[in-house]
PDB file of N, CA and C in Angstrom:
ATOM      1  N   MET A   1     -20.023  -2.120  54.288  1.00  0.00           N
ATOM      2  CA  MET A   1     -20.410  -1.486  55.489  1.00  0.00           C
ATOM      3  C   MET A   1     -19.901  -0.241  55.168  1.00  0.00           C
ATOM      4  N   PRO A   2     -20.693   1.387  55.097  1.00  0.00           N
ATOM      5  CA  PRO A   2     -19.905   2.585  55.316  1.00  0.00           C
ATOM      6  C   PRO A   2     -18.662   2.616  56.446  1.00  0.00           C
ATOM      7  N   HIS A   3     -18.210   3.634  55.917  1.00  0.00           N
ATOM      8  CA  HIS A   3     -16.814   4.189  57.299  1.00  0.00           C
ATOM      9  C   HIS A   3     -17.382   5.382  57.364  1.00  0.00           C
ATOM     10  N   SER A   4     -16.452   5.593  58.732  1.00  0.00           N
ATOM     11  CA  SER A   4     -17.178   6.679  59.235  1.00  0.00           C
ATOM     12  C   SER A   4     -16.050   7.966  59.760  1.00  0.00           C
ATOM     13  N   TYR A   5     -15.218   8.477  58.699  1.00  0.00           N
ATOM     14  CA  TYR A   5     -14.461   8.945  58.609  1.00  0.00           C
ATOM     15  C   TYR A   5     -13.257  10.896  59.753  1.00  0.00           C
ATOM     16  N   GLU A   6     -13.139  11.206  60.678  1.00  0.00           N
ATOM     17  CA  GLU A   6     -12.768  12.106  60.904  1.00  0.00           C
ATOM     18  C   GLU A   6     -12.027  13.362  60.792  1.00  0.00           C
ATOM     19  N   LEU A   7     -12.388  13.994  59.924  1.00  0.00           N
ATOM     20  CA  LEU A   7     -11.237  15.372  59.974  1.00  0.00           C
ATOM     21  C   LEU A   7     -10.766  15.462  61.577  1.00  0.00           C
ATOM     22  N   PRO A   8      -9.790  15.673  61.924  1.00  0.00           N
ATOM     23  CA  PRO A   8      -9.670  17.152  62.850  1.00  0.00           C
ATOM     24  C   PRO A   8     -10.857  18.116  62.805  1.00  0.00           C
ATOM     25  N   ALA A   9     -11.100  18.094  64.017  1.00  0.00           N
ATOM     26  CA  ALA A   9     -12.296  19.089  64.427  1.00  0.00           C
ATOM     27  C   ALA A   9     -11.674  20.595  65.273  1.00  0.00           C
ATOM     28  N   GLU A  10     -10.468  20.808  65.325  1.00  0.00           N
ATOM     29  CA  GLU A  10      -9.868  22.185  65.514  1.00  0.00           C
ATOM     30  C   GLU A  10      -7.978  22.182  65.538  1.00  0.00           C
ATOM     31  N   ILE A  11      -8.411  23.586  64.473  1.00  0.00           N
ATOM     32  CA  ILE A  11      -6.774  23.445  64.280  1.00  0.00           C
ATOM     33  C   ILE A  11      -5.153  23.459  65.615  1.00  0.00           C
ATOM     34  N   ASP A  12      -4.503  22.629  65.183  1.00  0.00           N
ATOM     35  CA  ASP A  12      -3.185  23.327  66.059  1.00  0.00           C
ATOM     36  C   ASP A  12      -2.837  23.688  65.695  1.00  0.00           C
ATOM     37  N   LEU A  13      -2.476  25.096  65.694  1.00  0.00           N
ATOM     38  CA  LEU A  13      -1.858  25.322  66.177  1.00  0.00           C
ATOM     39  C   LEU A  13      -0.159  25.279  65.888  1.00  0.00           C
ATOM     40  N   ASP A  14       0.529  24.457  67.036  1.00  0.00           N
ATOM     41  CA  ASP A  14       1.356  24.445  66.671  1.00  0.00           C
ATOM     42  C   ASP A  14       2.538  23.128  64.986  1.00  0.00           C
ATOM     43  N   ALA A  15       1.211  23.031  64.179  1.00  0.00           N
ATOM     44  CA  ALA A  15       1.871  22.072  62.921  1.00  0.00           C
ATOM     45  C   ALA A  15       1.266  23.623  62.243  1.00  0.00           C
ATOM     46  N   VAL A  16       1.067  24.910  62.183  1.00  0.00           N
ATOM     47  CA  VAL A  16       1.409  25.922  62.329  1.00  0.00           C
ATOM     48  C   VAL A  16       2.067  26.848  62.134  1.00  0.00           C
ATOM     49  N   ARG A  17       2.382  26.545  63.129  1.00  0.00           N
ATOM     50  CA  ARG A  17       4.040  27.481  62.970  1.00  0.00           C
ATOM     51  C   ARG A  17       5.552  26.627  62.361  1.00  0.00           C
ATOM     52  N   THR A  18       4.948  24.643  62.855  1.00  0.00           N
ATOM     53  CA  THR A  18       5.879  24.224  62.353  1.00  0.00           C
ATOM     54  C   THR A  18       6.310  24.367  60.506  1.00  0.00           C
ATOM     55  N   ILE A  19       4.630  25.163  59.701  1.00  0.00           N
ATOM     56  CA  ILE A  19       5.064  24.575  58.313  1.00  0.00           C
ATOM     57  C   ILE A  19       5.327  26.479  59.034  1.00  0.00           C
ATOM     58  N   ILE A  20       5.149  27.494  59.447  1.00  0.00           N
ATOM     59  CA  ILE A  20       5.447  27.905  58.981  1.00  0.00           C
ATOM     60  C   ILE A  20       7.037  28.104  59.169  1.00  0.00           C
ATOM     61  N   ASP A  21       7.442  27.938  59.943  1.00  0.00           N
ATOM     62  CA  ASP A  21       8.543  28.086  60.048  1.00  0.00           C
ATOM     63  C   ASP A  21      10.154  27.096  59.273  1.00  0.00           C
ATOM     64  N   PHE A  22       8.874  26.074  58.498  1.00  0.00           N
ATOM     65  CA  PHE A  22       9.493  25.417  57.975  1.00  0.00           C
ATOM     66  C   PHE A  22       9.558  25.983  56.230  1.00  0.00           C
ATOM     67  N   VAL A  23       8.752  26.487  56.231  1.00  0.00           N
ATOM     68  CA  VAL A  23       8.658  27.043  54.764  1.00  0.00           C
ATOM     69  C   VAL A  23       9.038  28.685  54.561  1.00  0.00           C
ATOM     70  N   ARG A  24       9.705  29.010  55.567  1.00  0.00           N
ATOM     71  CA  ARG A  24      10.518  30.962  55.175  1.00  0.00           C
ATOM     72  C   ARG A  24      12.228  29.880  56.268  1.00  0.00           C
ATOM     73  N   GLY A  25      12.312  29.453  55.964  1.00  0.00           N
ATOM     74  CA  GLY A  25      12.990  28.159  55.803  1.00  0.00           C
ATOM     75  C   GLY A  25      14.852  27.863  57.397  1.00  0.00           C
ATOM     76  N   ARG A  26      13.181  28.529  57.446  1.00  0.00           N
ATOM     77  CA  ARG A  26      13.776  27.965  59.882  1.00  0.00           C
ATOM     78  C   ARG A  26      14.435  27.022  60.050  1.00  0.00           C
ATOM     79  N   ILE A  27      13.434  25.636  60.278  1.00  0.00           N
ATOM     80  CA  ILE A  27      13.989  24.358  59.897  1.00  0.00           C
ATOM     81  C   ILE A  27      13.934  23.427  59.110  1.00  0.00           C
ATOM     82  N   PRO A  28      14.428  22.583  58.341  1.00  0.00           N
ATOM     83  CA  PRO A  28      14.823  22.111  57.186  1.00  0.00           C
ATOM     84  C   PRO A  28      13.106  20.976  57.195  1.00  0.00           C
ATOM     85  N   PHE A  29      13.286  20.007  56.188  1.00  0.00           N
ATOM     86  CA  PHE A  29      12.303  19.238  55.641  1.00  0.00           C
ATOM     87  C   PHE A  29      12.490  18.496  56.330  1.00  0.00           C
ATOM     88  N   SER A  30      11.222  16.767  57.238  1.00  0.00           N
ATOM     89  CA  SER A  30      12.182  15.964  58.080  1.00  0.00           C
ATOM     90  C   SER A  30      10.220  16.074  58.083  1.00  0.00           C
ATOM     91  N   ARG A  31      10.213  14.056  59.296  1.00  0.00           N
ATOM     92  CA  ARG A  31       9.107  13.635  59.558  1.00  0.00           C
ATOM     93  C   ARG A  31       8.438  14.936  60.144  1.00  0.00           C
ATOM     94  N   ASP A  32       8.941  15.851  61.123  1.00  0.00           N
ATOM     95  CA  ASP A  32       8.085  17.053  61.359  1.00  0.00           C
ATOM     96  C   ASP A  32       6.974  17.038  61.246  1.00  0.00           C
ATOM     97  N   VAL A  33       7.970  17.557  59.718  1.00  0.00           N
ATOM     98  CA  VAL A  33       7.531  18.710  58.691  1.00  0.00           C
ATOM     99  C   VAL A  33       6.300  17.369  58.751  1.00  0.00           C
ATOM    100  N   VAL A  34       6.134  16.925  57.917  1.00  0.00           N
ATOM    101  CA  VAL A  34       5.220  16.187  57.221  1.00  0.00           C
ATOM    102  C   VAL A  34       3.978  15.758  58.104  1.00  0.00           C
ATOM    103  N   ALA A  35       4.315  15.507  59.610  1.00  0.00           N
ATOM    104  CA  ALA A  35       3.128  15.691  60.581  1.00  0.00           C
ATOM    105  C   ALA A  35       2.342  16.597  60.671  1.00  0.00           C
ATOM    106  N   ALA A  36       2.726  17.793  60.773  1.00  0.00           N
ATOM    107  CA  ALA A  36       2.721  19.223  60.016  1.00  0.00           C
ATOM    108  C   ALA A  36       1.483  19.617  59.756  1.00  0.00           C
ATOM    109  N   GLY A  37       1.988  18.726  58.359  1.00  0.00           N
ATOM    110  CA  GLY A  37       1.001  19.048  57.133  1.00  0.00           C
ATOM    111  C   GLY A  37       0.273  17.804  57.295  1.00  0.00           C
ATOM    112  N   TYR A  38       0.044  17.425  57.942  1.00  0.00           N
ATOM    113  CA  TYR A  38      -1.055  15.969  57.674  1.00  0.00           C
ATOM    114  C   TYR A  38      -1.962  16.793  58.488  1.00  0.00           C
ATOM    115  N   CYS A  39      -2.506  17.527  59.489  1.00  0.00           N
ATOM    116  CA  CYS A  39      -2.704  18.258  60.665  1.00  0.00           C
ATOM    117  C   CYS A  39      -3.183  18.949  60.613  1.00  0.00           C
ATOM    118  N   LEU A  40      -2.257  20.028  59.506  1.00  0.00           N
ATOM    119  CA  LEU A  40      -2.482  21.577  58.566  1.00  0.00           C
ATOM    120  C   LEU A  40      -4.095  21.059  57.649  1.00  0.00           C
ATOM    121  N   LEU A  41      -3.506  19.574  56.567  1.00  0.00           N
ATOM    122  CA  LEU A  41      -3.439  19.267  55.742  1.00  0.00           C
ATOM    123  C   LEU A  41      -5.285  18.991  55.742  1.00  0.00           C
ATOM    124  N   GLY A  42      -5.084  17.664  57.036  1.00  0.00           N
ATOM    125  CA  GLY A  42      -6.815  17.453  57.295  1.00  0.00           C
ATOM    126  C   GLY A  42      -7.911  18.460  58.173  1.00  0.00           C
ATOM    127  N   TYR A  43      -7.265  19.693  58.203  1.00  0.00           N
ATOM    128  CA  TYR A  43      -7.735  20.354  59.521  1.00  0.00           C
ATOM    129  C   TYR A  43      -8.744  21.407  58.058  1.00  0.00           C
ATOM    130  N   ALA A  44      -7.285  21.990  56.892  1.00  0.00           N
ATOM    131  CA  ALA A  44      -8.276  22.387  55.779  1.00  0.00           C
ATOM    132  C   ALA A  44      -9.346  21.547  55.244  1.00  0.00           C
ATOM    133  N   LEU A  45      -8.590  20.529  54.649  1.00  0.00           N
ATOM    134  CA  LEU A  45     -10.451  19.953  53.575  1.00  0.00           C
ATOM    135  C   LEU A  45     -11.525  20.072  54.894  1.00  0.00           C
ATOM    136  N   GLY A  46     -11.016  19.438  56.117  1.00  0.00           N
ATOM    137  CA  GLY A  46     -11.933  19.471  56.409  1.00  0.00           C
ATOM    138  C   GLY A  46     -13.043  20.442  55.838  1.00  0.00           C
ATOM    139  N   GLN A  47     -12.721  21.631  56.411  1.00  0.00           N
ATOM    140  CA  GLN A  47     -13.318  22.769  56.243  1.00  0.00           C
ATOM    141  C   GLN A  47     -13.701  23.631  55.113  1.00  0.00           C
ATOM    142  N   VAL A  48     -13.266  23.026  53.499  1.00  0.00           N
ATOM    143  CA  VAL A  48     -13.663  22.947  52.596  1.00  0.00           C
ATOM    144  C   VAL A  48     -14.515  22.239  52.111  1.00  0.00           C
ATOM    145  N   ALA A  49     -15.253  20.725  52.788  1.00  0.00           N
ATOM    146  CA  ALA A  49     -15.293  20.264  52.364  1.00  0.00           C
ATOM    147  C   ALA A  49     -16.759  20.682  53.206  1.00  0.00           C
ATOM    148  N   ALA A  50     -16.767  20.896  54.919  1.00  0.00           N
ATOM    149  CA  ALA A  50     -18.617  22.217  55.135  1.00  0.00           C
ATOM    150  C   ALA A  50     -18.377  22.884  53.730  1.00  0.00           C
ATOM    151  N   SER A  51     -18.344  24.000  53.388  1.00  0.00           N
ATOM    152  CA  SER A  51     -18.631  25.442  52.784  1.00  0.00           C
ATOM    153  C   SER A  51     -16.759  25.344  51.566  1.00  0.00           C
ATOM    154  N   PRO A  52     -18.035  24.536  50.634  1.00  0.00           N
ATOM    155  CA  PRO A  52     -17.084  24.319  49.411  1.00  0.00           C
ATOM    156  C   PRO A  52     -17.169  25.405  48.334  1.00  0.00           C
ATOM    157  N   ARG A  53     -16.568  26.742  47.904  1.00  0.00           N
ATOM    158  CA  ARG A  53     -16.159  27.545  47.733  1.00  0.00           C
ATOM    159  C   ARG A  53     -15.247  27.918  47.550  1.00  0.00           C
ATOM    160  N   LEU A  54     -15.315  27.983  45.595  1.00  0.00           N
ATOM    161  CA  LEU A  54     -13.918  28.897  45.182  1.00  0.00           C
ATOM    162  C   LEU A  54     -13.657  29.587  45.851  1.00  0.00           C
ATOM    163  N   VAL A  55     -11.944  29.735  45.413  1.00  0.00           N
ATOM    164  CA  VAL A  55     -11.270  31.173  45.638  1.00  0.00           C
ATOM    165  C   VAL A  55      -9.298  31.154  45.100  1.00  0.00           C
ATOM    166  N   GLY A  56     -10.331  32.014  43.514  1.00  0.00           N
ATOM    167  CA  GLY A  56      -8.603  32.517  42.683  1.00  0.00           C
ATOM    168  C   GLY A  56      -8.167  32.293  43.349  1.00  0.00           C
ATOM    169  N   SER A  57      -7.132  31.130  42.943  1.00  0.00           N
ATOM    170  CA  SER A  57      -5.578  31.902  43.186  1.00  0.00           C
ATOM    171  C   SER A  57      -4.588  32.724  42.472  1.00  0.00           C
ATOM    172  N   PRO A  58      -3.512  33.387  43.309  1.00  0.00           N
ATOM    173  CA  PRO A  58      -2.961  34.687  42.167  1.00  0.00           C
ATOM    174  C   PRO A  58      -2.227  33.846  41.305  1.00  0.00           C
ATOM    175  N   ALA A  59      -1.589  34.479  39.772  1.00  0.00           N
ATOM    176  CA  ALA A  59      -0.656  33.554  38.989  1.00  0.00           C
ATOM    177  C   ALA A  59       0.292  33.739  39.375  1.00  0.00           C
ATOM    178  N   ASP A  60       1.172  34.221  39.207  1.00  0.00           N
ATOM    179  CA  ASP A  60       1.648  34.170  40.298  1.00  0.00           C
ATOM    180  C   ASP A  60       2.442  32.937  41.523  1.00  0.00           C
ATOM    181  N   PRO A  61       3.445  32.811  41.961  1.00  0.00           N
ATOM    182  CA  PRO A  61       3.321  31.727  43.019  1.00  0.00           C
ATOM    183  C   PRO A  61       3.699  32.151  43.939  1.00  0.00           C
ATOM    184  N   ARG A  62       4.867  33.305  43.701  1.00  0.00           N
ATOM    185  CA  ARG A  62       5.274  33.962  44.914  1.00  0.00           C
ATOM    186  C   ARG A  62       4.526  34.782  45.774  1.00  0.00           C
ATOM    187  N   GLU A  63       3.413  35.380  45.090  1.00  0.00           N
ATOM    188  CA  GLU A  63       2.266  36.417  45.873  1.00  0.00           C
ATOM    189  C   GLU A  63       1.059  34.499  46.550  1.00  0.00           C
ATOM    190  N   VAL A  64       0.599  33.348  45.799  1.00  0.00           N
ATOM    191  CA  VAL A  64       0.549  32.479  46.596  1.00  0.00           C
ATOM    192  C   VAL A  64       0.856  32.263  47.997  1.00  0.00           C
ATOM    193  N   ASP A  65       1.876  32.311  47.922  1.00  0.00           N
ATOM    194  CA  ASP A  65       3.038  31.883  48.997  1.00  0.00           C
ATOM    195  C   ASP A  65       2.686  33.177  50.390  1.00  0.00           C
ATOM    196  N   ALA A  66       3.019  34.225  49.717  1.00  0.00           N
ATOM    197  CA  ALA A  66       2.114  35.480  50.317  1.00  0.00           C
ATOM    198  C   ALA A  66       0.974  35.609  51.072  1.00  0.00           C
ATOM    199  N   VAL A  67       0.224  35.133  50.265  1.00  0.00           N
ATOM    200  CA  VAL A  67      -0.986  34.551  51.656  1.00  0.00           C
ATOM    201  C   VAL A  67      -1.400  34.057  52.101  1.00  0.00           C
ATOM    202  N   ALA A  68      -0.306  32.408  51.538  1.00  0.00           N
ATOM    203  CA  ALA A  68      -0.428  31.183  52.792  1.00  0.00           C
ATOM    204  C   ALA A  68      -0.248  31.778  53.824  1.00  0.00           C
ATOM    205  N   LEU A  69       1.100  32.024  53.415  1.00  0.00           N
ATOM    206  CA  LEU A  69       2.295  32.611  54.839  1.00  0.00           C
ATOM    207  C   LEU A  69       1.217  33.704  55.306  1.00  0.00           C
ATOM    208  N   ASP A  70       1.078  34.587  55.286  1.00  0.00           N
ATOM    209  CA  ASP A  70       0.138  35.438  55.874  1.00  0.00           C
ATOM    210  C   ASP A  70      -1.371  35.100  56.608  1.00  0.00           C
ATOM    211  N   THR A  71      -1.610  34.252  56.206  1.00  0.00           N
ATOM    212  CA  THR A  71      -3.532  33.794  56.540  1.00  0.00           C
ATOM    213  C   THR A  71      -2.928  32.584  57.207  1.00  0.00           C
ATOM    214  N   LEU A  72      -1.764  31.837  57.917  1.00  0.00           N
ATOM    215  CA  LEU A  72      -1.543  31.291  58.886  1.00  0.00           C
ATOM    216  C   LEU A  72      -0.242  32.136  59.486  1.00  0.00           C
ATOM    217  N   ASP A  73       0.036  33.621  59.188  1.00  0.00           N
ATOM    218  CA  ASP A  73       1.044  34.003  61.129  1.00  0.00           C
ATOM    219  C   ASP A  73      -0.894  34.534  60.909  1.00  0.00           C
ATOM    220  N   GLU A  74      -1.377  34.781  60.590  1.00  0.00           N
ATOM    221  CA  GLU A  74      -3.192  35.349  61.240  1.00  0.00           C
ATOM    222  C   GLU A  74      -3.467  34.761  62.801  1.00  0.00           C
ATOM    223  N   LEU A  75      -3.252  33.210  61.613  1.00  0.00           N
ATOM    224  CA  LEU A  75      -4.123  32.580  62.441  1.00  0.00           C
ATOM    225  C   LEU A  75      -3.647  31.755  63.660  1.00  0.00           C
ATOM    226  N   VAL A  76      -2.013  31.513  63.635  1.00  0.00           N
ATOM    227  CA  VAL A  76      -1.033  32.196  64.979  1.00  0.00           C
ATOM    228  C   VAL A  76      -1.185  33.252  65.926  1.00  0.00           C
ATOM    229  N   ALA A  77      -1.504  34.692  65.670  1.00  0.00           N
ATOM    230  CA  ALA A  77      -1.621  36.225  66.354  1.00  0.00           C
ATOM    231  C   ALA A  77      -2.567  35.794  66.793  1.00  0.00           C
ATOM    232  N   GLU A  78      -3.635  35.141  65.825  1.00  0.00           N
ATOM    233  CA  GLU A  78      -5.014  35.216  66.892  1.00  0.00           C
ATOM    234  C   GLU A  78      -4.952  34.368  67.886  1.00  0.00           C
ATOM    235  N   GLN A  79      -5.436  33.066  67.415  1.00  0.00           N
ATOM    236  CA  GLN A  79      -5.493  32.662  67.859  1.00  0.00           C
ATOM    237  C   GLN A  79      -7.251  31.602  67.709  1.00  0.00           C
ATOM    238  N   GLN A  80      -6.984  31.835  66.812  1.00  0.00           N
ATOM    239  CA  GLN A  80      -9.084  31.781  66.730  1.00  0.00           C
ATOM    240  C   GLN A  80      -8.966  31.386  64.702  1.00  0.00           C
ATOM    241  N   ILE A  81     -10.660  31.273  64.495  1.00  0.00           N
ATOM    242  CA  ILE A  81     -10.465  30.341  63.054  1.00  0.00           C
ATOM    243  C   ILE A  81     -11.983  31.745  62.666  1.00  0.00           C
ATOM    244  N   SER A  82     -11.767  32.749  61.613  1.00  0.00           N
ATOM    245  CA  SER A  82     -12.547  33.681  61.527  1.00  0.00           C
ATOM    246  C   SER A  82     -12.827  33.140  59.405  1.00  0.00           C
ATOM    247  N   GLN A  83     -14.424  32.201  59.782  1.00  0.00           N
ATOM    248  CA  GLN A  83     -14.347  31.065  58.643  1.00  0.00           C
ATOM    249  C   GLN A  83     -14.324  31.982  57.554  1.00  0.00           C
ATOM    250  N   GLY A  84     -14.821  32.882  57.462  1.00  0.00           N
ATOM    251  CA  GLY A  84     -15.284  33.651  56.614  1.00  0.00           C
ATOM    252  C   GLY A  84     -13.925  34.587  55.662  1.00  0.00           C
ATOM    253  N   ILE A  85     -12.522  34.550  56.607  1.00  0.00           N
ATOM    254  CA  ILE A  85     -11.926  35.218  55.696  1.00  0.00           C
ATOM    255  C   ILE A  85     -10.296  34.446  55.411  1.00  0.00           C
ATOM    256  N   ILE A  86     -10.328  32.400  55.942  1.00  0.00           N
ATOM    257  CA  ILE A  86      -9.314  32.229  55.523  1.00  0.00           C
ATOM    258  C   ILE A  86      -9.827  31.766  54.599  1.00  0.00           C
ATOM    259  N   PRO A  87      -8.647  31.854  53.283  1.00  0.00           N
ATOM    260  CA  PRO A  87      -9.279  31.251  51.792  1.00  0.00           C
ATOM    261  C   PRO A  87      -8.710  29.721  51.534  1.00  0.00           C
ATOM    262  N   TRP A  88      -9.726  28.811  51.696  1.00  0.00           N
ATOM    263  CA  TRP A  88      -9.016  27.112  52.921  1.00  0.00           C
ATOM    264  C   TRP A  88      -8.321  26.830  51.400  1.00  0.00           C
ATOM    265  N   ALA A  89      -9.427  26.793  50.379  1.00  0.00           N
ATOM    266  CA  ALA A  89      -9.400  26.016  49.186  1.00  0.00           C
ATOM    267  C   ALA A  89      -7.051  26.848  48.619  1.00  0.00           C
ATOM    268  N   LEU A  90      -6.868  27.044  49.311  1.00  0.00           N
ATOM    269  CA  LEU A  90      -6.295  27.218  48.364  1.00  0.00           C
ATOM    270  C   LEU A  90      -4.558  27.794  49.167  1.00  0.00           C
ATOM    271  N   LEU A  91      -5.420  27.538  50.549  1.00  0.00           N
ATOM    272  CA  LEU A  91      -4.107  26.712  51.399  1.00  0.00           C
ATOM    273  C   LEU A  91      -3.943  25.509  51.180  1.00  0.00           C
ATOM    274  N   VAL A  92      -4.304  24.437  51.400  1.00  0.00           N
ATOM    275  CA  VAL A  92      -5.051  23.092  50.452  1.00  0.00           C
ATOM    276  C   VAL A  92      -4.124  22.757  49.485  1.00  0.00           C
ATOM    277  N   GLU A  93      -3.715  23.692  48.412  1.00  0.00           N
ATOM    278  CA  GLU A  93      -3.118  23.550  47.102  1.00  0.00           C
ATOM    279  C   GLU A  93      -1.878  23.528  47.551  1.00  0.00           C
ATOM    280  N   TRP A  94      -1.535  24.648  48.250  1.00  0.00           N
ATOM    281  CA  TRP A  94      -0.633  25.622  48.510  1.00  0.00           C
ATOM    282  C   TRP A  94       0.126  24.137  49.354  1.00  0.00           C
ATOM    283  N   LEU A  95       0.364  24.386  50.383  1.00  0.00           N
ATOM    284  CA  LEU A  95       0.681  22.937  51.249  1.00  0.00           C
ATOM    285  C   LEU A  95       0.734  22.018  50.674  1.00  0.00           C
ATOM    286  N   VAL A  96      -0.283  21.387  49.726  1.00  0.00           N
ATOM    287  CA  VAL A  96       0.045  19.759  49.586  1.00  0.00           C
ATOM    288  C   VAL A  96       1.570  20.203  48.157  1.00  0.00           C
ATOM    289  N   SER A  97       1.614  21.597  47.382  1.00  0.00           N
ATOM    290  CA  SER A  97       2.507  21.667  46.627  1.00  0.00           C
ATOM    291  C   SER A  97       3.844  21.664  47.332  1.00  0.00           C
ATOM    292  N   LYS A  98       3.271  22.558  48.378  1.00  0.00           N
ATOM    293  CA  LYS A  98       4.850  21.954  49.589  1.00  0.00           C
ATOM    294  C   LYS A  98       5.277  21.091  49.439  1.00  0.00           C
ATOM    295  N   LEU A  99       4.491  20.176  50.139  1.00  0.00           N
ATOM    296  CA  LEU A  99       4.408  19.287  50.567  1.00  0.00           C
ATOM    297  C   LEU A  99       6.050  18.070  49.931  1.00  0.00           C
ATOM    298  N   LEU A 100       4.519  18.155  48.630  1.00  0.00           N
ATOM    299  CA  LEU A 100       5.688  17.422  47.368  1.00  0.00           C
ATOM    300  C   LEU A 100       6.420  17.841  46.687  1.00  0.00           C
ATOM    301  N   SER A 101       6.516  19.204  46.218  1.00  0.00           N
ATOM    302  CA  SER A 101       7.360  19.087  45.814  1.00  0.00           C
ATOM    303  C   SER A 101       9.046  18.756  46.953  1.00  0.00           C
ATOM    304  N   GLU A 102       9.086  18.966  48.077  1.00  0.00           N
ATOM    305  CA  GLU A 102      10.220  18.688  49.609  1.00  0.00           C
ATOM    306  C   GLU A 102      10.188  17.428  48.678  1.00  0.00           C
ATOM    307  N   LEU A 103       8.910  16.386  48.704  1.00  0.00           N
ATOM    308  CA  LEU A 103       9.247  15.004  49.705  1.00  0.00           C
ATOM    309  C   LEU A 103       9.779  14.535  47.763  1.00  0.00           C
ATOM    310  N   MET A 104       9.769  15.155  47.233  1.00  0.00           N
ATOM    311  CA  MET A 104      10.096  14.537  45.411  1.00  0.00           C
ATOM    312  C   MET A 104      12.197  15.002  45.075  1.00  0.00           C
ATOM    313  N   LYS A 105      12.279  16.308  46.643  1.00  0.00           N
ATOM    314  CA  LYS A 105      13.305  16.210  46.404  1.00  0.00           C
ATOM    315  C   LYS A 105      14.621  15.328  46.919  1.00  0.00           C
ATOM    316  N   SER A 106      13.625  15.120  48.325  1.00  0.00           N
ATOM    317  CA  SER A 106      13.885  14.146  48.996  1.00  0.00           C
ATOM    318  C   SER A 106      14.081  12.589  48.551  1.00  0.00           C
ATOM    319  N   SER A 107      13.349  12.204  47.854  1.00  0.00           N
ATOM    320  CA  SER A 107      13.496  11.244  47.294  1.00  0.00           C
ATOM    321  C   SER A 107      14.052  10.964  46.243  1.00  0.00           C
ATOM    322  N   SER A 108      15.210  11.848  45.388  1.00  0.00           N
ATOM    323  CA  SER A 108      16.334  11.825  43.714  1.00  0.00           C
ATOM    324  C   SER A 108      17.205  11.923  43.664  1.00  0.00           C
TER     325      SER A 108
END
């Protein structure tokens, strides 16, 4: 029997703020950061699945950080989503990388 799974239909701006604060070093890595990442990742994956377009990533990881943070800052400031200008695929890759990196640090 097939399952019907639901991804978040709306973005949680508190989760976005938590991720921004974590990446900028304002708060430490914690369960709340993982939960916020999970919420944001679920929403972003839903957007990628709904509109799968390849988005080129800058070669320099610092550029990816800047693009991702600028995008998240815009989301919080605007409090709305403009589907055409959000690089969801880039955000998914960036967020997974950040969370996995911290999980690996905390497990060693």
